C-alpha atoms as a PDB file:
ATOM      1  CA  MET A   1       0.000   0.000   0.000  1.00  0.00           C
ATOM      2  CA  PRO A   2       1.221   3.581  -0.652  1.00  0.00           C
ATOM      3  CA  ARG A   3       2.785   5.085   2.416  1.00  0.00           C
ATOM      4  CA  LYS A   4       1.359   8.172   4.058  1.00  0.00           C
ATOM      5  CA  ARG A   5       3.038  11.309   2.763  1.00  0.00           C
ATOM      6  CA  LYS A   6       3.302  14.720   4.387  1.00  0.00           C
ATOM      7  CA  GLU A   7       1.236  17.755   3.395  1.00  0.00           C
ATOM      8  CA  ALA A   8       4.079  19.030   1.247  1.00  0.00           C
ATOM      9  CA  ASN A   9       1.823  20.688  -1.312  1.00  0.00           C
ATOM     10  CA  ARG A  10      -0.653  22.361   1.030  1.00  0.00           C
ATOM     11  CA  ILE A  11      -0.747  26.145   0.731  1.00  0.00           C
ATOM     12  CA  TRP A  12      -0.278  27.797   4.133  1.00  0.00           C
ATOM     13  CA  SER A  13      -1.362  31.413   4.520  1.00  0.00           C
ATOM     14  CA  LYS A  14       1.163  33.921   5.833  1.00  0.00           C
ATOM     15  CA  GLU A  15      -0.819  34.121   9.087  1.00  0.00           C
ATOM     16  CA  GLU A  16      -0.590  30.335   9.544  1.00  0.00           C
ATOM     17  CA  LYS A  17       3.132  30.416   8.800  1.00  0.00           C
ATOM     18  CA  LYS A  18       3.533  33.230  11.337  1.00  0.00           C
ATOM     19  CA  ASN A  19       1.884  31.038  14.003  1.00  0.00           C
ATOM     20  CA  PHE A  20       4.463  28.315  13.384  1.00  0.00           C
ATOM     21  CA  VAL A  21       7.269  30.887  13.448  1.00  0.00           C
ATOM     22  CA  ASP A  22       5.987  32.252  16.789  1.00  0.00           C
ATOM     23  CA  MET A  23       6.126  28.760  18.283  1.00  0.00           C
ATOM     24  CA  VAL A  24       9.841  28.700  17.503  1.00  0.00           C
ATOM     25  CA  ILE A  25      10.750  32.294  18.355  1.00  0.00           C
ATOM     26  CA  ASN A  26       8.462  33.031  21.311  1.00  0.00           C
ATOM     27  CA  ASN A  27       7.890  29.592  22.831  1.00  0.00           C
ATOM     28  CA  ASN A  28      11.405  28.195  22.274  1.00  0.00           C
ATOM     29  CA  ILE A  29      10.083  25.085  20.516  1.00  0.00           C
ATOM     30  CA  SER A  30      12.552  23.583  18.052  1.00  0.00           C
ATOM     31  CA  THR A  31      11.683  23.699  14.355  1.00  0.00           C
ATOM     32  CA  HIS A  32      11.989  19.914  14.199  1.00  0.00           C
ATOM     33  CA  ASP A  33       9.427  19.457  17.000  1.00  0.00           C
ATOM     34  CA  VAL A  34       6.979  21.815  15.275  1.00  0.00           C
ATOM     35  CA  GLU A  35       7.393  19.982  11.952  1.00  0.00           C
ATOM     36  CA  LYS A  36       6.920  16.603  13.621  1.00  0.00           C
ATOM     37  CA  LYS A  37       3.860  17.658  15.626  1.00  0.00           C
ATOM     38  CA  TYR A  38       2.028  19.193  12.660  1.00  0.00           C
ATOM     39  CA  ASP A  39       3.296  16.696  10.042  1.00  0.00           C
ATOM     40  CA  LEU A  40       5.147  19.359   8.051  1.00  0.00           C
ATOM     41  CA  SER A  41       7.911  18.763   5.533  1.00  0.00           C
ATOM     42  CA  TYR A  42      11.379  18.587   7.031  1.00  0.00           C
ATOM     43  CA  GLY A  43      13.088  22.001   6.998  1.00  0.00           C
ATOM     44  CA  ILE A  44      10.015  24.029   5.987  1.00  0.00           C
ATOM     45  CA  VAL A  45       9.620  25.797   9.372  1.00  0.00           C
ATOM     46  CA  SER A  46      13.318  26.724   9.355  1.00  0.00           C
ATOM     47  CA  LYS A  47      12.758  28.312   5.964  1.00  0.00           C
ATOM     48  CA  TRP A  48       9.768  30.307   7.254  1.00  0.00           C
ATOM     49  CA  VAL A  49      11.756  31.487  10.266  1.00  0.00           C
ATOM     50  CA  ARG A  50      14.543  32.756   8.001  1.00  0.00           C
ATOM     51  CA  GLN A  51      12.030  34.492   5.742  1.00  0.00           C
ATOM     52  CA  TYR A  52      10.308  36.160   8.698  1.00  0.00           C
ATOM     53  CA  ILE A  53      13.562  37.365  10.251  1.00  0.00           C
ATOM     54  CA  SER A  54      14.747  38.855   6.954  1.00  0.00           C
ATOM     55  CA  GLY A  55      11.485  40.434   5.768  1.00  0.00           C
ATOM     56  CA  GLY A  56       8.737  40.249   8.384  1.00  0.00           C
ATOM     57  CA  ILE A  57       5.306  38.725   7.835  1.00  0.00           C
ATOM     58  CA  ASP A  58       5.103  39.968   4.222  1.00  0.00           C
ATOM     59  CA  ALA A  59       8.047  37.721   3.349  1.00  0.00           C
ATOM     60  CA  LEU A  60       5.797  34.750   4.241  1.00  0.00           C
ATOM     61  CA  GLU A  61       3.297  35.613   1.491  1.00  0.00           C
ATOM     62  CA  ASN A  62       2.722  32.949  -1.164  1.00  0.00           C
ATOM     63  CA  LYS A  63       3.836  34.524  -4.401  1.00  0.00           C
ATOM     64  CA  ARG A  64       3.938  33.346  -7.972  1.00  0.00           C
ATOM     65  CA  LYS A  65       7.447  33.222  -9.404  1.00  0.00           C
ATOM     66  CA  PRO A  66       8.237  35.973 -11.949  1.00  0.00           C
ATOM     67  CA  SER A  67       8.356  34.202 -15.341  1.00  0.00           C
ATOM     68  CA  TYR A  68       5.947  35.782 -17.865  1.00  0.00           C
ATOM     69  CA  GLY A  69       5.477  34.650 -21.470  1.00  0.00           C
ATOM     70  CA  TYR A  70       3.720  36.869 -24.002  1.00  0.00           C
ATOM     71  CA  HIS A  71       0.550  34.741 -23.752  1.00  0.00           C
ATOM     72  CA  ARG A  72       0.373  35.411 -20.026  1.00  0.00           C
ATOM     73  CA  ILE A  73       1.223  39.099 -20.437  1.00  0.00           C
ATOM     74  CA  ASN A  74      -1.749  39.396 -22.784  1.00  0.00           C
ATOM     75  CA  ALA A  75      -4.025  37.605 -20.299  1.00  0.00           C
ATOM     76  CA  LEU A  76      -2.973  40.000 -17.511  1.00  0.00           C
ATOM     77  CA  ILE A  77      -3.559  43.041 -19.734  1.00  0.00           C
ATOM     78  CA  LYS A  78      -7.045  41.815 -20.599  1.00  0.00           C
ATOM     79  CA  ARG A  79      -7.905  41.068 -16.971  1.00  0.00           C
ATOM     80  CA  GLU A  80      -6.570  44.315 -15.522  1.00  0.00           C
ATOM     81  CA  THR A  81      -7.438  46.828 -18.281  1.00  0.00           C
ATOM     82  CA  GLY A  82     -10.144  45.201 -20.394  1.00  0.00           C
ATOM     83  CA  TRP A  83      -8.089  45.723 -23.560  1.00  0.00           C
ATOM     84  CA  VAL A  84      -8.394  42.933 -26.114  1.00  0.00           C
ATOM     85  CA  VAL A  85      -5.386  42.470 -28.397  1.00  0.00           C
ATOM     86  CA  SER A  86      -3.801  39.482 -30.094  1.00  0.00           C
ATOM     87  CA  ASP A  87      -1.000  37.415 -28.615  1.00  0.00           C
ATOM     88  CA  ASN A  88       0.956  38.136 -31.789  1.00  0.00           C
ATOM     89  CA  LEU A  89       0.803  41.889 -31.121  1.00  0.00           C
ATOM     90  CA  ILE A  90       2.114  41.389 -27.589  1.00  0.00           C
ATOM     91  CA  HIS A  91       4.926  39.280 -29.016  1.00  0.00           C
ATOM     92  CA  LYS A  92       5.849  42.037 -31.495  1.00  0.00           C
ATOM     93  CA  VAL A  93       5.723  44.725 -28.771  1.00  0.00           C
ATOM     94  CA  CYS A  94       8.061  42.646 -26.605  1.00  0.00           C
ATOM     95  CA  LYS A  95      10.499  42.427 -29.518  1.00  0.00           C
ATOM     96  CA  VAL A  96      10.319  46.202 -30.148  1.00  0.00           C
ATOM     97  CA  LEU A  97      10.918  46.897 -26.440  1.00  0.00           C
ATOM     98  CA  LYS A  98      13.747  44.339 -26.472  1.00  0.00           C
ATOM     99  CA  ILE A  99      12.072  42.191 -23.852  1.00  0.00           C
ATOM    100  CA  TYR A 100      13.529  38.769 -24.442  1.00  0.00           C
ATOM    101  CA  SER A 101      12.890  35.411 -22.820  1.00  0.00           C
ATOM    102  CA  LYS A 102      15.537  33.948 -20.590  1.00  0.00           C
ATOM    103  CA  SER A 103      16.124  30.289 -21.260  1.00  0.00           C
ATOM    104  CA  LYS A 104      18.527  27.475 -20.658  1.00  0.00           C
ATOM    105  CA  HIS A 105      19.641  25.234 -23.506  1.00  0.00           C
ATOM    106  CA  TYR A 106      19.813  21.487 -23.357  1.00  0.00           C
ATOM    107  CA  SER A 107      21.479  18.861 -25.461  1.00  0.00           C
ATOM    108  CA  LYS A 108      19.485  17.213 -28.223  1.00  0.00           C
ATOM    109  CA  TYR A 109      17.431  14.128 -27.535  1.00  0.00           C
ATOM    110  CA  LYS A 110      19.429  10.920 -27.859  1.00  0.00           C
ATOM    111  CA  LYS A 111      17.756   7.800 -29.136  1.00  0.00           C
ATOM    112  CA  PRO A 112      17.797   5.131 -26.432  1.00  0.00           C
ATOM    113  CA  GLY A 113      18.981   1.613 -26.964  1.00  0.00           C
ATOM    114  CA  GLU A 114      16.613  -1.011 -28.260  1.00  0.00           C
ATOM    115  CA  GLU A 115      14.218  -2.252 -25.567  1.00  0.00           C
ATOM    116  CA  SER A 116      11.559  -4.902 -25.581  1.00  0.00           C
ATOM    117  CA  ILE A 117       7.996  -3.693 -26.017  1.00  0.00           C
ATOM    118  CA  LYS A 118       5.811  -4.651 -23.075  1.00  0.00           C
ATOM    119  CA  TYR A 119       2.667  -2.674 -23.875  1.00  0.00           C
ATOM    120  CA  PRO A 120       1.247  -1.035 -27.018  1.00  0.00           C
ATOM    121  CA  ASN A 121       0.540   2.680 -27.341  1.00  0.00           C
ATOM    122  CA  MET A 122      -3.078   2.887 -26.148  1.00  0.00           C
ATOM    123  CA  ILE A 123      -3.303   6.656 -26.598  1.00  0.00           C
ATOM    124  CA  ASN A 124      -2.040   7.071 -30.168  1.00  0.00           C
ATOM    125  CA  GLY A 125      -2.189  10.854 -30.054  1.00  0.00           C
ATOM    126  CA  ASN A 126      -5.666  11.062 -28.471  1.00  0.00           C
ATOM    127  CA  TRP A 127      -5.076  13.149 -25.348  1.00  0.00           C
ATOM    128  CA  LYS A 128      -8.706  14.192 -24.801  1.00  0.00           C
ATOM    129  CA  THR A 129     -10.080  13.493 -21.320  1.00  0.00           C
ATOM    130  CA  THR A 130     -13.448  13.892 -19.601  1.00  0.00           C
ATOM    131  CA  ARG A 131     -12.392  13.581 -15.961  1.00  0.00           C
ATOM    132  CA  PRO A 132      -9.330  13.592 -13.710  1.00  0.00           C
ATOM    133  CA  LEU A 133      -7.057  10.532 -13.642  1.00  0.00           C
ATOM    134  CA  GLU A 134      -8.411   9.217 -16.935  1.00  0.00           C
ATOM    135  CA  LYS A 135      -4.943   9.484 -18.488  1.00  0.00           C
ATOM    136  CA  VAL A 136      -1.672   9.884 -16.610  1.00  0.00           C
ATOM    137  CA  VAL A 137       1.842  10.345 -17.993  1.00  0.00           C
ATOM    138  CA  THR A 138       5.221  10.078 -16.336  1.00  0.00           C
ATOM    139  CA  ASP A 139       8.919  10.486 -16.899  1.00  0.00           C
ATOM    140  CA  THR A 140      12.185  10.858 -15.015  1.00  0.00           C
ATOM    141  CA  THR A 141      14.379  13.870 -15.630  1.00  0.00           C
ATOM    142  CA  LYS A 142      17.760  14.817 -14.223  1.00  0.00           C
ATOM    143  CA  ILE A 143      18.153  18.045 -12.232  1.00  0.00           C
ATOM    144  CA  TRP A 144      21.123  19.561 -10.431  1.00  0.00           C
ATOM    145  CA  PHE A 145      20.964  20.728  -6.815  1.00  0.00           C
ATOM    146  CA  LYS A 146      24.014  22.309  -5.187  1.00  0.00           C
ATOM    147  CA  GLY A 147      26.421  20.562  -7.498  1.00  0.00           C
ATOM    148  CA  LYS A 148      24.877  17.090  -7.297  1.00  0.00           C
ATOM    149  CA  PRO A 149      22.703  15.329  -9.930  1.00  0.00           C
ATOM    150  CA  TYR A 150      19.272  14.068  -8.895  1.00  0.00           C
ATOM    151  CA  ASP A 151      16.606  11.990 -10.629  1.00  0.00           C
ATOM    152  CA  TRP A 152      13.160  13.581 -10.426  1.00  0.00           C
ATOM    153  CA  THR A 153      10.327  11.196 -11.310  1.00  0.00           C
ATOM    154  CA  TYR A 154       6.896  12.770 -11.500  1.00  0.00           C
ATOM    155  CA  TYR A 155       3.371  11.930 -12.670  1.00  0.00           C
ATOM    156  CA  VAL A 156       1.047  14.322 -14.489  1.00  0.00           C
ATOM    157  CA  ASP A 157      -2.735  14.095 -14.815  1.00  0.00           C
ATOM    158  CA  VAL A 158      -3.516  14.885 -18.471  1.00  0.00           C
ATOM    159  CA  PHE A 159      -6.952  16.280 -17.495  1.00  0.00           C
ATOM    160  CA  ASN A 160      -5.467  19.437 -15.959  1.00  0.00           C
ATOM    161  CA  ASN A 161      -1.682  18.933 -16.246  1.00  0.00           C
ATOM    162  CA  GLU A 162      -1.409  18.680 -12.458  1.00  0.00           C
ATOM    163  CA  ILE A 163       1.588  16.963 -10.895  1.00  0.00           C
ATOM    164  CA  ILE A 164      -0.043  14.237  -8.788  1.00  0.00           C
ATOM    165  CA  GLY A 165       2.941  12.172  -7.672  1.00  0.00           C
ATOM    166  CA  SER A 166       6.661  12.720  -7.371  1.00  0.00           C
ATOM    167  CA  ASP A 167       9.920  11.585  -5.866  1.00  0.00           C
ATOM    168  CA  VAL A 168      13.473  12.924  -6.089  1.00  0.00           C
ATOM    169  CA  SER A 169      16.668  11.071  -5.222  1.00  0.00           C
ATOM    170  CA  LEU A 170      20.370  11.047  -6.010  1.00  0.00           C
ATOM    171  CA  SER A 171      20.812  10.227  -9.661  1.00  0.00           C
ATOM    172  CA  LYS A 172      21.255   6.669 -10.861  1.00  0.00           C
ATOM    173  CA  ASN A 173      20.824   7.626 -14.501  1.00  0.00           C
ATOM    174  CA  CYS A 174      17.015   7.597 -14.129  1.00  0.00           C
ATOM    175  CA  ASN A 175      16.989   3.906 -13.181  1.00  0.00           C
ATOM    176  CA  ASN A 176      16.637   3.993  -9.398  1.00  0.00           C
ATOM    177  CA  PRO A 177      13.931   1.443  -8.453  1.00  0.00           C
ATOM    178  CA  LEU A 178      13.176   3.141  -5.111  1.00  0.00           C
ATOM    179  CA  ASN A 179      12.771   6.524  -6.801  1.00  0.00           C
ATOM    180  CA  HIS A 180      10.207   5.053  -9.208  1.00  0.00           C
ATOM    181  CA  LYS A 181       8.494   3.081  -6.439  1.00  0.00           C
ATOM    182  CA  LEU A 182       7.904   6.122  -4.235  1.00  0.00           C
ATOM    183  CA  ALA A 183       6.728   8.270  -7.148  1.00  0.00           C
ATOM    184  CA  VAL A 184       4.186   5.718  -8.412  1.00  0.00           C
ATOM    185  CA  GLU A 185       2.966   5.122  -4.835  1.00  0.00           C
ATOM    186  CA  ALA A 186       2.282   8.851  -4.508  1.00  0.00           C
ATOM    187  CA  MET A 187       0.298   8.796  -7.773  1.00  0.00           C
ATOM    188  CA  LEU A 188      -1.701   5.750  -6.689  1.00  0.00           C
ATOM    189  CA  GLU A 189      -2.417   7.350  -3.312  1.00  0.00           C
ATOM    190  CA  THR A 190      -3.849  10.376  -5.141  1.00  0.00           C
ATOM    191  CA  LYS A 191      -5.991   8.067  -7.309  1.00  0.00           C
ATOM    192  CA  ILE A 192      -7.421   6.398  -4.211  1.00  0.00           C
ATOM    193  CA  LYS A 193      -7.831   9.568  -2.171  1.00  0.00           C
ATOM    194  CA  ARG A 194      -9.799  11.310  -4.925  1.00  0.00           C
ATOM    195  CA  GLY A 195     -12.147   8.349  -5.406  1.00  0.00           C
ATOM    196  CA  TYR A 196     -10.885   6.976  -8.723  1.00  0.00           C
ATOM    197  CA  LYS A 197      -9.458   3.626  -7.590  1.00  0.00           C
ATOM    198  CA  ASP A 198     -12.162   1.621  -9.383  1.00  0.00           C
ATOM    199  CA  LEU A 199     -12.146   3.758 -12.548  1.00  0.00           C
ATOM    200  CA  ASP A 200      -9.774   2.984 -15.398  1.00  0.00           C
ATOM    201  CA  THR A 201      -6.621   5.068 -15.725  1.00  0.00           C
ATOM    202  CA  ILE A 202      -4.460   4.843 -18.845  1.00  0.00           C
ATOM    203  CA  PHE A 203      -0.912   5.173 -17.601  1.00  0.00           C
ATOM    204  CA  HIS A 204       1.505   6.142 -20.394  1.00  0.00           C
ATOM    205  CA  SER A 205       5.307   6.046 -20.197  1.00  0.00           C
ATOM    206  CA  ASP A 206       8.357   5.370 -22.312  1.00  0.00           C
ATOM    207  CA  GLN A 207       9.914   1.913 -22.573  1.00  0.00           C
ATOM    208  CA  GLY A 208      12.567   2.470 -19.910  1.00  0.00           C
ATOM    209  CA  SER A 209      13.852  -0.545 -18.017  1.00  0.00           C
ATOM    210  CA  ILE A 210      11.908   0.314 -14.848  1.00  0.00           C
ATOM    211  CA  TYR A 211       8.624   1.028 -16.630  1.00  0.00           C
ATOM    212  CA  SER A 212       8.879  -2.232 -18.599  1.00  0.00           C
ATOM    213  CA  SER A 213       9.896  -4.384 -15.626  1.00  0.00           C
ATOM    214  CA  ILE A 214       7.558  -7.135 -14.472  1.00  0.00           C
ATOM    215  CA  ALA A 215       7.818  -6.139 -10.790  1.00  0.00           C
ATOM    216  CA  PHE A 216       6.872  -2.507 -11.495  1.00  0.00           C
ATOM    217  CA  ASN A 217       3.804  -3.433 -13.537  1.00  0.00           C
ATOM    218  CA  ASN A 218       2.675  -6.156 -11.150  1.00  0.00           C
ATOM    219  CA  ALA A 219       2.434  -3.474  -8.442  1.00  0.00           C
ATOM    220  CA  LEU A 220      -0.247  -1.720 -10.533  1.00  0.00           C
ATOM    221  CA  LYS A 221      -2.626  -4.659 -10.948  1.00  0.00           C
ATOM    222  CA  ASP A 222      -4.990  -3.754  -8.101  1.00  0.00           C
ATOM    223  CA  TYR A 223      -5.552  -0.160  -9.220  1.00  0.00           C
ATOM    224  CA  THR A 224      -7.443  -0.508 -12.561  1.00  0.00           C
ATOM    225  CA  ILE A 225      -4.399   0.721 -14.489  1.00  0.00           C
ATOM    226  CA  ILE A 226      -4.245   0.261 -18.266  1.00  0.00           C
ATOM    227  CA  ARG A 227      -0.623   0.432 -19.389  1.00  0.00           C
ATOM    228  CA  SER A 228       0.474   2.283 -22.493  1.00  0.00           C
ATOM    229  CA  MET A 229       3.955   2.918 -23.897  1.00  0.00           C
ATOM    230  CA  SER A 230       5.596   5.166 -26.450  1.00  0.00           C
ATOM    231  CA  ARG A 231       7.364   3.611 -29.397  1.00  0.00           C
ATOM    232  CA  ILE A 232      11.118   3.183 -29.061  1.00  0.00           C
ATOM    233  CA  GLY A 233      13.013   6.415 -29.679  1.00  0.00           C
ATOM    234  CA  THR A 234       9.794   8.412 -30.216  1.00  0.00           C
ATOM    235  CA  PRO A 235       9.442  11.124 -27.550  1.00  0.00           C
ATOM    236  CA  THR A 236       6.649  12.700 -29.618  1.00  0.00           C
ATOM    237  CA  ASP A 237       4.421   9.826 -28.460  1.00  0.00           C
ATOM    238  CA  ASN A 238       4.474  11.480 -25.023  1.00  0.00           C
ATOM    239  CA  PRO A 239       4.454  15.211 -25.905  1.00  0.00           C
ATOM    240  CA  ILE A 240       2.889  16.432 -22.640  1.00  0.00           C
ATOM    241  CA  ILE A 241       5.648  15.144 -20.378  1.00  0.00           C
ATOM    242  CA  GLU A 242       8.434  15.943 -22.853  1.00  0.00           C
ATOM    243  CA  SER A 243       7.219  19.542 -23.096  1.00  0.00           C
ATOM    244  CA  LEU A 244       6.945  19.835 -19.314  1.00  0.00           C
ATOM    245  CA  ASN A 245      10.464  18.505 -18.847  1.00  0.00           C
ATOM    246  CA  GLY A 246      11.836  21.316 -20.973  1.00  0.00           C
ATOM    247  CA  TRP A 247      10.131  24.395 -19.610  1.00  0.00           C
ATOM    248  CA  LEU A 248       9.802  23.198 -15.997  1.00  0.00           C
ATOM    249  CA  LYS A 249      13.587  22.896 -15.849  1.00  0.00           C
ATOM    250  CA  LYS A 250      13.888  26.267 -17.559  1.00  0.00           C
ATOM    251  CA  GLU A 251      11.634  27.962 -14.997  1.00  0.00           C
ATOM    252  CA  ILE A 252      13.425  26.208 -12.132  1.00  0.00           C
ATOM    253  CA  PHE A 253      16.639  27.746 -13.467  1.00  0.00           C
ATOM    254  CA  ILE A 254      15.069  31.222 -13.710  1.00  0.00           C
ATOM    255  CA  ASP A 255      12.620  31.449 -10.806  1.00  0.00           C
ATOM    256  CA  PHE A 256      14.152  29.544  -7.906  1.00  0.00           C
ATOM    257  CA  ASN A 257      17.266  30.317  -5.890  1.00  0.00           C
ATOM    258  CA  ILE A 258      18.658  26.939  -4.898  1.00  0.00           C
ATOM    259  CA  ASN A 259      20.697  28.573  -2.127  1.00  0.00           C
ATOM    260  CA  ASN A 260      17.446  29.290  -0.261  1.00  0.00           C
ATOM    261  CA  TYR A 261      16.839  25.561   0.285  1.00  0.00           C
ATOM    262  CA  GLU A 262      18.471  23.227   2.753  1.00  0.00           C
ATOM    263  CA  ASN A 263      17.624  20.037   0.864  1.00  0.00           C
ATOM    264  CA  VAL A 264      16.430  18.926  -2.548  1.00  0.00           C
ATOM    265  CA  GLN A 265      13.070  17.620  -1.276  1.00  0.00           C
ATOM    266  CA  ASP A 266      12.013  21.061   0.012  1.00  0.00           C
ATOM    267  CA  PHE A 267      13.176  22.521  -3.289  1.00  0.00           C
ATOM    268  CA  ILE A 268      11.056  20.103  -5.367  1.00  0.00           C
ATOM    269  CA  ASN A 269       8.071  20.537  -3.023  1.00  0.00           C
ATOM    270  CA  ASP A 270       8.228  24.287  -3.682  1.00  0.00           C
ATOM    271  CA  VAL A 271       8.497  23.745  -7.435  1.00  0.00           C
ATOM    272  CA  ILE A 272       5.422  21.476  -7.433  1.00  0.00           C
ATOM    273  CA  ASN A 273       3.462  23.816  -5.174  1.00  0.00           C
ATOM    274  CA  ASP A 274       4.237  26.773  -7.421  1.00  0.00           C
ATOM    275  CA  TYR A 275       3.371  24.860 -10.585  1.00  0.00           C
ATOM    276  CA  ASN A 276       0.096  23.338  -9.322  1.00  0.00           C
ATOM    277  CA  ASN A 277      -1.243  26.366  -7.445  1.00  0.00           C
ATOM    278  CA  PHE A 278       0.217  29.527  -8.946  1.00  0.00           C
ATOM    279  CA  ARG A 279       1.232  28.986 -12.556  1.00  0.00           C
ATOM    280  CA  PRO A 280      -1.643  29.758 -14.976  1.00  0.00           C
ATOM    281  CA  ALA A 281      -1.521  27.640 -18.111  1.00  0.00           C
ATOM    282  CA  TYR A 282      -2.451  28.728 -21.625  1.00  0.00           C
ATOM    283  CA  ALA A 283      -4.034  25.311 -22.299  1.00  0.00           C
ATOM    284  CA  LEU A 284      -6.247  25.728 -19.198  1.00  0.00           C
ATOM    285  CA  ASN A 285      -7.573  29.169 -20.168  1.00  0.00           C
ATOM    286  CA  TYR A 286      -4.983  30.789 -17.903  1.00  0.00           C
ATOM    287  CA  LYS A 287      -6.090  28.941 -14.829  1.00  0.00           C
ATOM    288  CA  THR A 288      -3.747  26.998 -12.596  1.00  0.00           C
ATOM    289  CA  PRO A 289      -4.036  23.178 -12.657  1.00  0.00           C
ATOM    290  CA  ILE A 290      -5.755  22.973  -9.271  1.00  0.00           C
ATOM    291  CA  GLN A 291      -7.975  25.983 -10.005  1.00  0.00           C
ATOM    292  CA  TYR A 292      -9.077  24.392 -13.294  1.00  0.00           C
ATOM    293  CA  ARG A 293      -9.949  21.080 -11.625  1.00  0.00           C
ATOM    294  CA  THR A 294     -11.769  22.534  -8.622  1.00  0.00           C
ATOM    295  CA  GLU A 295     -13.814  25.001 -10.685  1.00  0.00           C
ATOM    296  CA  LEU A 296     -15.114  22.026 -12.709  1.00  0.00           C
ATOM    297  CA  GLY A 297     -16.245  20.384  -9.482  1.00  0.00           C
ATOM    298  CA  TYR A 298     -13.560  17.704  -9.139  1.00  0.00           C
END
């Protein structure tokens, strides 16, 4: 059974954070004891204490990171002024004003070695969904944290592009069984918690050695999972996760100061929290993943 996980992605108001900070500063309770008592992520209260000391209660405010594409700039203009212009015009204005995007470049995709096919591609380019957890995609990507490589495995619900399961660990070239085990357990826990255990979920991945292993797929048998795989060397069979890999890592590079985090888990928790709760998506009519899902009654 999936293990119980902490409330890493819950959004705490600045007033709630201040209450935890007061326990440490005024009542001389250790940050570790506060985190343990209230089932908080390790190190999160220490972070809030540092923020409060440096900037007061306003520093505890939940804020969206600063990346703005021209689509989002246009959405903000429409919302705040009522002006209706095309995205193309905003793009041209940005060029005239010499406002350029800041990006990080990555090496080209390398075709993996030949692997045995365990499951056919059940999606075949049809990414339409009618409810949450109807189709789920996953991948493992490598990130760097304070000079060390880590494997980040995460699961995305195609319905609203929400990250619904994740684990990060020291890199083993994306083939760490424990990393994959904890990430899939988090996804399955979400499936159960939201009431979809008995409804079919198409779970799509590449043909990596973990995803095609018998032990990994046997662990999914009790959760009404229908397996689906991309063709060998064809990342375009899984465009949602491949696209996310690129610009999530780009925004991590731009928006987050790694030096503000004591450990990689707190760092990834913050990235997921920001993405799920604060980053409006063009494909979701400029709503955040969680906002999109909840406004549709799920």
